[in-house]
Amino acid sequence: MRRHTLAIMSTLLVALAVAACQSMSSVKPGDGRKATITGKSYDQVWDAAHKVAVEHFDVREQDKARGVIVGERTMSSWGAGAWVGTYITPPQAGASVYVVEVVRRKKLVTNAGEQDWEYKVLRDIYRELGLPALDPKRDP
């Protein structure tokens, strides 16, 4: 009986650990932090977002035609890692306004130590575009 209970407990722990993990496919636009950018071209916004992604992450997906960059932050002393997606809309030249959304998904849901990548990525995109600095208390 004891062996049976141990097997059930082990199976439950493994199931919980797997359920607490997220993958790159869980990164989708819709509930991230957003910033509106005016006075810049699509190419300028894309180039800034791409440069920032390469600076902070291992880029796993990039599609300029769709305005999508998804990167992976691997495990470090600061946390268990994260998936971070940057989405630019509309993904085309000629718009007067671009919205950049950054979505972060911790690799482990239970990880409390992962950095605020949504704010950091937007802050660095603003820096690359020469825009005024974001205020973390007021801005996106």
N, C-alpha and C. Protein backbone atom coordinates (compact mmCIF):
# COMPACT_ATOMS: atom_id res chain seq x y z
N MET A 1 0.83 -1.20 0.00
CA MET A 1 0.00 0.00 0.00
C MET A 1 0.87 1.26 0.00
N ARG A 2 1.93 1.21 0.77
CA ARG A 2 2.82 2.37 0.87
C ARG A 2 3.48 2.67 -0.48
N ARG A 3 3.86 1.60 -1.17
CA ARG A 3 4.49 1.76 -2.47
C ARG A 3 3.50 2.37 -3.47
N HIS A 4 2.27 1.93 -3.42
CA HIS A 4 1.21 2.45 -4.29
C HIS A 4 0.98 3.95 -4.04
N THR A 5 0.93 4.35 -2.78
CA THR A 5 0.75 5.76 -2.42
C THR A 5 1.92 6.60 -2.92
N LEU A 6 3.12 6.08 -2.78
CA LEU A 6 4.31 6.79 -3.25
C LEU A 6 4.27 6.98 -4.77
N ALA A 7 3.83 5.97 -5.48
CA ALA A 7 3.72 6.06 -6.94
C ALA A 7 2.70 7.11 -7.35
N ILE A 8 1.57 7.15 -6.66
CA ILE A 8 0.53 8.14 -6.96
C ILE A 8 1.05 9.55 -6.66
N MET A 9 1.70 9.72 -5.53
CA MET A 9 2.24 11.03 -5.16
C MET A 9 3.29 11.49 -6.18
N SER A 10 4.14 10.60 -6.62
CA SER A 10 5.17 10.93 -7.61
C SER A 10 4.52 11.35 -8.93
N THR A 11 3.52 10.63 -9.34
CA THR A 11 2.81 10.96 -10.59
C THR A 11 2.15 12.32 -10.48
N LEU A 12 1.54 12.62 -9.36
CA LEU A 12 0.90 13.93 -9.16
C LEU A 12 1.92 15.05 -9.19
N LEU A 13 3.06 14.86 -8.55
CA LEU A 13 4.11 15.89 -8.55
C LEU A 13 4.64 16.15 -9.95
N VAL A 14 4.84 15.11 -10.73
CA VAL A 14 5.30 15.27 -12.11
C VAL A 14 4.24 16.01 -12.92
N ALA A 15 2.99 15.66 -12.75
CA ALA A 15 1.89 16.32 -13.47
C ALA A 15 1.81 17.80 -13.11
N LEU A 16 1.97 18.12 -11.84
CA LEU A 16 1.96 19.52 -11.42
C LEU A 16 3.14 20.28 -11.99
N ALA A 17 4.30 19.68 -12.01
CA ALA A 17 5.49 20.34 -12.56
C ALA A 17 5.31 20.63 -14.04
N VAL A 18 4.77 19.67 -14.78
CA VAL A 18 4.54 19.87 -16.21
C VAL A 18 3.48 20.94 -16.43
N ALA A 19 2.43 20.94 -15.63
CA ALA A 19 1.36 21.93 -15.77
C ALA A 19 1.86 23.33 -15.45
N ALA A 20 2.87 23.44 -14.63
CA ALA A 20 3.40 24.75 -14.24
C ALA A 20 4.35 25.32 -15.29
N CYS A 21 4.68 24.56 -16.31
CA CYS A 21 5.59 25.01 -17.36
C CYS A 21 4.81 25.65 -18.50
N GLN A 22 5.44 26.63 -19.13
CA GLN A 22 4.85 27.24 -20.31
C GLN A 22 5.84 27.14 -21.45
N SER A 23 5.32 27.16 -22.66
CA SER A 23 6.17 27.03 -23.83
C SER A 23 6.07 28.28 -24.68
N MET A 24 6.87 28.30 -25.73
CA MET A 24 6.86 29.44 -26.63
C MET A 24 5.48 29.66 -27.24
N SER A 25 4.73 28.58 -27.44
CA SER A 25 3.40 28.71 -28.04
C SER A 25 2.40 29.42 -27.12
N SER A 26 2.74 29.56 -25.83
CA SER A 26 1.84 30.26 -24.91
C SER A 26 2.01 31.78 -24.98
N VAL A 27 2.98 32.24 -25.77
CA VAL A 27 3.21 33.68 -25.94
C VAL A 27 2.38 34.15 -27.12
N LYS A 28 1.35 34.93 -26.82
CA LYS A 28 0.46 35.46 -27.85
C LYS A 28 0.08 36.90 -27.48
N PRO A 29 -0.15 37.73 -28.48
CA PRO A 29 -0.55 39.10 -28.16
C PRO A 29 -1.94 39.14 -27.52
N GLY A 30 -2.16 40.20 -26.76
CA GLY A 30 -3.49 40.39 -26.19
C GLY A 30 -3.50 40.83 -24.75
N ASP A 31 -2.57 40.34 -23.95
CA ASP A 31 -2.60 40.73 -22.54
C ASP A 31 -1.24 41.23 -22.05
N GLY A 32 -0.46 41.75 -22.98
CA GLY A 32 0.85 42.29 -22.61
C GLY A 32 0.80 43.77 -22.30
N ARG A 33 1.97 44.34 -22.15
CA ARG A 33 2.12 45.77 -21.91
C ARG A 33 2.30 46.45 -23.26
N LYS A 34 1.59 47.55 -23.47
CA LYS A 34 1.58 48.21 -24.78
C LYS A 34 2.10 49.64 -24.69
N ALA A 35 2.68 50.06 -25.80
CA ALA A 35 3.12 51.45 -25.94
C ALA A 35 2.76 51.91 -27.35
N THR A 36 2.34 53.15 -27.46
CA THR A 36 2.00 53.74 -28.75
C THR A 36 3.16 54.60 -29.21
N ILE A 37 3.57 54.40 -30.46
CA ILE A 37 4.70 55.14 -31.02
C ILE A 37 4.23 55.90 -32.24
N THR A 38 4.49 57.19 -32.23
CA THR A 38 4.16 58.05 -33.38
C THR A 38 5.44 58.70 -33.89
N GLY A 39 5.37 59.15 -35.13
CA GLY A 39 6.50 59.87 -35.70
C GLY A 39 7.67 59.00 -36.12
N LYS A 40 7.47 57.70 -36.18
CA LYS A 40 8.52 56.78 -36.61
C LYS A 40 7.96 55.85 -37.68
N SER A 41 8.82 55.40 -38.57
CA SER A 41 8.39 54.48 -39.62
C SER A 41 8.34 53.05 -39.09
N TYR A 42 7.67 52.19 -39.85
CA TYR A 42 7.61 50.79 -39.47
C TYR A 42 9.02 50.20 -39.41
N ASP A 43 9.84 50.51 -40.40
CA ASP A 43 11.21 49.99 -40.41
C ASP A 43 11.98 50.43 -39.18
N GLN A 44 11.82 51.68 -38.76
CA GLN A 44 12.51 52.16 -37.56
C GLN A 44 12.03 51.41 -36.31
N VAL A 45 10.72 51.23 -36.18
CA VAL A 45 10.17 50.53 -35.02
C VAL A 45 10.63 49.07 -35.03
N TRP A 46 10.54 48.42 -36.20
CA TRP A 46 10.98 47.02 -36.31
C TRP A 46 12.47 46.89 -35.95
N ASP A 47 13.30 47.75 -36.54
CA ASP A 47 14.74 47.66 -36.29
C ASP A 47 15.06 47.84 -34.81
N ALA A 48 14.38 48.78 -34.15
CA ALA A 48 14.61 49.00 -32.72
C ALA A 48 14.17 47.79 -31.91
N ALA A 49 12.99 47.25 -32.23
CA ALA A 49 12.48 46.08 -31.50
C ALA A 49 13.39 44.88 -31.71
N HIS A 50 13.84 44.69 -32.92
CA HIS A 50 14.72 43.55 -33.22
C HIS A 50 16.06 43.69 -32.50
N LYS A 51 16.63 44.89 -32.50
CA LYS A 51 17.90 45.12 -31.80
C LYS A 51 17.77 44.82 -30.31
N VAL A 52 16.68 45.27 -29.71
CA VAL A 52 16.45 45.04 -28.28
C VAL A 52 16.26 43.54 -28.01
N ALA A 53 15.52 42.85 -28.87
CA ALA A 53 15.31 41.41 -28.68
C ALA A 53 16.64 40.66 -28.75
N VAL A 54 17.46 40.99 -29.71
CA VAL A 54 18.76 40.32 -29.85
C VAL A 54 19.66 40.62 -28.65
N GLU A 55 19.53 41.82 -28.12
CA GLU A 55 20.33 42.24 -26.96
C GLU A 55 19.99 41.43 -25.70
N HIS A 56 18.72 41.10 -25.51
CA HIS A 56 18.27 40.47 -24.27
C HIS A 56 17.94 38.98 -24.36
N PHE A 57 17.64 38.48 -25.57
CA PHE A 57 17.09 37.13 -25.70
C PHE A 57 17.78 36.36 -26.82
N ASP A 58 17.53 35.05 -26.80
CA ASP A 58 17.84 34.21 -27.95
C ASP A 58 16.59 34.24 -28.81
N VAL A 59 16.66 34.89 -29.96
CA VAL A 59 15.49 35.04 -30.82
C VAL A 59 15.15 33.69 -31.43
N ARG A 60 13.91 33.26 -31.22
CA ARG A 60 13.44 31.96 -31.71
C ARG A 60 12.52 32.10 -32.91
N GLU A 61 11.87 33.25 -33.04
CA GLU A 61 10.97 33.49 -34.17
C GLU A 61 11.01 34.97 -34.49
N GLN A 62 11.08 35.27 -35.77
CA GLN A 62 10.98 36.67 -36.21
C GLN A 62 10.33 36.70 -37.58
N ASP A 63 9.37 37.59 -37.72
CA ASP A 63 8.66 37.72 -38.98
C ASP A 63 8.27 39.18 -39.13
N LYS A 64 9.06 39.89 -39.89
CA LYS A 64 8.81 41.33 -40.07
C LYS A 64 7.47 41.59 -40.74
N ALA A 65 7.07 40.72 -41.66
CA ALA A 65 5.79 40.90 -42.36
C ALA A 65 4.60 40.82 -41.42
N ARG A 66 4.73 40.06 -40.34
CA ARG A 66 3.65 39.95 -39.34
C ARG A 66 3.90 40.82 -38.12
N GLY A 67 5.08 41.42 -38.00
CA GLY A 67 5.41 42.26 -36.85
C GLY A 67 5.63 41.47 -35.58
N VAL A 68 6.26 40.28 -35.69
CA VAL A 68 6.40 39.37 -34.55
C VAL A 68 7.87 39.03 -34.30
N ILE A 69 8.28 39.16 -33.04
CA ILE A 69 9.58 38.69 -32.59
C ILE A 69 9.35 37.95 -31.27
N VAL A 70 9.78 36.70 -31.19
CA VAL A 70 9.65 35.93 -29.96
C VAL A 70 11.04 35.46 -29.56
N GLY A 71 11.39 35.74 -28.31
CA GLY A 71 12.70 35.35 -27.82
C GLY A 71 12.60 34.54 -26.55
N GLU A 72 13.70 33.89 -26.24
CA GLU A 72 13.78 33.06 -25.04
C GLU A 72 14.87 33.60 -24.13
N ARG A 73 14.53 33.74 -22.88
CA ARG A 73 15.49 34.08 -21.84
C ARG A 73 15.75 32.79 -21.08
N THR A 74 16.98 32.31 -21.14
CA THR A 74 17.28 31.04 -20.50
C THR A 74 17.46 31.22 -19.00
N MET A 75 17.53 30.11 -18.31
CA MET A 75 17.66 30.12 -16.86
C MET A 75 18.93 30.87 -16.44
N SER A 76 18.80 31.65 -15.38
CA SER A 76 19.94 32.39 -14.85
C SER A 76 19.80 32.45 -13.33
N SER A 77 20.74 33.13 -12.70
CA SER A 77 20.63 33.30 -11.25
C SER A 77 19.45 34.19 -10.87
N TRP A 78 18.88 34.90 -11.85
CA TRP A 78 17.75 35.80 -11.59
C TRP A 78 16.41 35.13 -11.76
N GLY A 79 16.38 33.98 -12.39
CA GLY A 79 15.09 33.34 -12.59
C GLY A 79 15.20 32.09 -13.45
N ALA A 80 14.07 31.43 -13.62
CA ALA A 80 14.02 30.17 -14.36
C ALA A 80 13.86 30.39 -15.86
N GLY A 81 13.84 31.62 -16.30
CA GLY A 81 13.73 31.91 -17.72
C GLY A 81 12.33 32.33 -18.12
N ALA A 82 12.23 32.84 -19.33
CA ALA A 82 10.95 33.33 -19.82
C ALA A 82 10.93 33.31 -21.34
N TRP A 83 9.72 33.33 -21.87
CA TRP A 83 9.47 33.56 -23.29
C TRP A 83 8.95 34.98 -23.40
N VAL A 84 9.45 35.75 -24.34
CA VAL A 84 9.01 37.14 -24.49
C VAL A 84 8.71 37.41 -25.96
N GLY A 85 7.48 37.85 -26.21
CA GLY A 85 7.06 38.18 -27.56
C GLY A 85 6.88 39.68 -27.72
N THR A 86 7.34 40.20 -28.84
CA THR A 86 7.15 41.61 -29.18
C THR A 86 6.31 41.64 -30.45
N TYR A 87 5.21 42.40 -30.40
CA TYR A 87 4.26 42.46 -31.50
C TYR A 87 4.06 43.91 -31.91
N ILE A 88 4.23 44.19 -33.20
CA ILE A 88 4.08 45.54 -33.73
C ILE A 88 2.87 45.56 -34.65
N THR A 89 1.93 46.48 -34.36
CA THR A 89 0.75 46.62 -35.21
C THR A 89 0.54 48.08 -35.57
N PRO A 90 0.11 48.36 -36.77
CA PRO A 90 -0.01 47.43 -37.87
C PRO A 90 1.38 47.07 -38.42
N PRO A 91 1.54 45.85 -38.94
CA PRO A 91 2.85 45.42 -39.43
C PRO A 91 3.08 45.85 -40.88
N GLN A 92 3.02 47.15 -41.09
CA GLN A 92 3.18 47.66 -42.47
C GLN A 92 3.66 49.10 -42.44
N ALA A 93 4.28 49.48 -43.51
CA ALA A 93 4.77 50.86 -43.65
C ALA A 93 3.60 51.81 -43.88
N GLY A 94 3.81 53.06 -43.50
CA GLY A 94 2.85 54.10 -43.82
C GLY A 94 1.83 54.44 -42.75
N ALA A 95 1.82 53.74 -41.64
CA ALA A 95 0.86 54.05 -40.57
C ALA A 95 1.33 55.28 -39.81
N SER A 96 0.41 56.03 -39.27
CA SER A 96 0.79 57.21 -38.49
C SER A 96 1.08 56.84 -37.03
N VAL A 97 0.57 55.69 -36.61
CA VAL A 97 0.74 55.23 -35.23
C VAL A 97 1.04 53.73 -35.25
N TYR A 98 2.00 53.33 -34.42
CA TYR A 98 2.30 51.91 -34.23
C TYR A 98 2.13 51.57 -32.76
N VAL A 99 1.55 50.42 -32.51
CA VAL A 99 1.42 49.93 -31.14
C VAL A 99 2.38 48.76 -31.00
N VAL A 100 3.23 48.84 -29.99
CA VAL A 100 4.15 47.76 -29.69
C VAL A 100 3.67 47.11 -28.40
N GLU A 101 3.42 45.82 -28.48
CA GLU A 101 2.99 45.06 -27.30
C GLU A 101 4.06 44.04 -26.97
N VAL A 102 4.39 43.95 -25.69
CA VAL A 102 5.36 42.97 -25.22
C VAL A 102 4.66 42.05 -24.23
N VAL A 103 4.76 40.75 -24.50
CA VAL A 103 4.11 39.73 -23.68
C VAL A 103 5.20 38.82 -23.12
N ARG A 104 5.17 38.61 -21.81
CA ARG A 104 6.13 37.70 -21.16
C ARG A 104 5.39 36.53 -20.56
N ARG A 105 5.95 35.35 -20.73
CA ARG A 105 5.45 34.15 -20.08
C ARG A 105 6.64 33.50 -19.37
N LYS A 106 6.52 33.38 -18.06
CA LYS A 106 7.55 32.69 -17.31
C LYS A 106 7.57 31.24 -17.74
N LYS A 107 8.76 30.65 -17.82
CA LYS A 107 8.83 29.24 -18.16
C LYS A 107 8.20 28.39 -17.07
N LEU A 108 8.40 28.80 -15.83
CA LEU A 108 7.75 28.14 -14.71
C LEU A 108 6.79 29.13 -14.08
N VAL A 109 5.53 28.79 -14.05
CA VAL A 109 4.51 29.68 -13.50
C VAL A 109 4.83 30.05 -12.05
N THR A 110 5.44 29.13 -11.34
CA THR A 110 5.73 29.35 -9.92
C THR A 110 6.97 30.21 -9.69
N ASN A 111 7.66 30.58 -10.74
CA ASN A 111 8.89 31.37 -10.62
C ASN A 111 8.55 32.82 -10.26
N ALA A 112 8.93 33.23 -9.07
CA ALA A 112 8.62 34.59 -8.61
C ALA A 112 9.71 35.58 -8.96
N GLY A 113 10.87 35.12 -9.42
CA GLY A 113 12.00 36.00 -9.58
C GLY A 113 12.26 36.55 -10.96
N GLU A 114 11.47 36.20 -11.96
CA GLU A 114 11.76 36.65 -13.32
C GLU A 114 11.52 38.15 -13.47
N GLN A 115 12.37 38.78 -14.24
CA GLN A 115 12.34 40.23 -14.41
C GLN A 115 11.10 40.71 -15.17
N ASP A 116 10.83 42.00 -15.07
CA ASP A 116 9.71 42.64 -15.76
C ASP A 116 10.14 42.95 -17.20
N TRP A 117 10.16 41.92 -18.03
CA TRP A 117 10.64 42.10 -19.39
C TRP A 117 9.73 42.98 -20.22
N GLU A 118 8.43 43.03 -19.91
CA GLU A 118 7.54 43.89 -20.69
C GLU A 118 8.00 45.34 -20.62
N TYR A 119 8.23 45.81 -19.41
CA TYR A 119 8.67 47.20 -19.26
C TYR A 119 10.06 47.40 -19.84
N LYS A 120 10.98 46.50 -19.54
CA LYS A 120 12.37 46.67 -19.99
C LYS A 120 12.48 46.71 -21.50
N VAL A 121 11.74 45.85 -22.19
CA VAL A 121 11.80 45.83 -23.66
C VAL A 121 11.24 47.13 -24.23
N LEU A 122 10.09 47.56 -23.73
CA LEU A 122 9.52 48.82 -24.22
C LEU A 122 10.44 50.00 -23.91
N ARG A 123 11.01 50.03 -22.72
CA ARG A 123 11.95 51.10 -22.35
C ARG A 123 13.12 51.14 -23.32
N ASP A 124 13.66 49.98 -23.65
CA ASP A 124 14.82 49.94 -24.54
C ASP A 124 14.46 50.25 -25.98
N ILE A 125 13.26 49.89 -26.42
CA ILE A 125 12.81 50.28 -27.76
C ILE A 125 12.71 51.80 -27.84
N TYR A 126 12.13 52.43 -26.82
CA TYR A 126 12.07 53.89 -26.77
C TYR A 126 13.47 54.48 -26.85
N ARG A 127 14.40 53.91 -26.10
CA ARG A 127 15.79 54.39 -26.12
C ARG A 127 16.37 54.30 -27.52
N GLU A 128 16.18 53.16 -28.19
CA GLU A 128 16.71 52.97 -29.53
C GLU A 128 16.10 53.94 -30.53
N LEU A 129 14.86 54.31 -30.33
CA LEU A 129 14.17 55.24 -31.23
C LEU A 129 14.44 56.70 -30.88
N GLY A 130 15.18 56.95 -29.81
CA GLY A 130 15.46 58.32 -29.40
C GLY A 130 14.25 59.02 -28.80
N LEU A 131 13.32 58.26 -28.26
CA LEU A 131 12.12 58.83 -27.65
C LEU A 131 12.38 59.12 -26.17
N PRO A 132 11.59 59.99 -25.56
CA PRO A 132 11.76 60.27 -24.13
C PRO A 132 11.62 58.98 -23.31
N ALA A 133 12.36 58.91 -22.23
CA ALA A 133 12.36 57.71 -21.39
C ALA A 133 10.97 57.42 -20.83
N LEU A 134 10.68 56.15 -20.71
CA LEU A 134 9.41 55.73 -20.09
C LEU A 134 9.51 55.87 -18.59
N ASP A 135 8.44 56.27 -17.97
CA ASP A 135 8.34 56.32 -16.51
C ASP A 135 7.63 55.05 -16.08
N PRO A 136 8.31 54.18 -15.31
CA PRO A 136 7.68 52.90 -14.95
C PRO A 136 6.42 53.04 -14.12
N LYS A 137 6.24 54.18 -13.47
CA LYS A 137 5.05 54.38 -12.65
C LYS A 137 3.86 54.89 -13.46
N ARG A 138 4.14 55.54 -14.59
CA ARG A 138 3.05 56.14 -15.38
C ARG A 138 2.85 55.46 -16.73
N ASP A 139 3.94 55.15 -17.36
CA ASP A 139 3.87 54.63 -18.73
C ASP A 139 3.65 53.13 -18.73
N PRO A 140 3.43 52.61 -19.92
CA PRO A 140 3.02 51.22 -20.08
C PRO A 140 3.61 50.26 -19.15
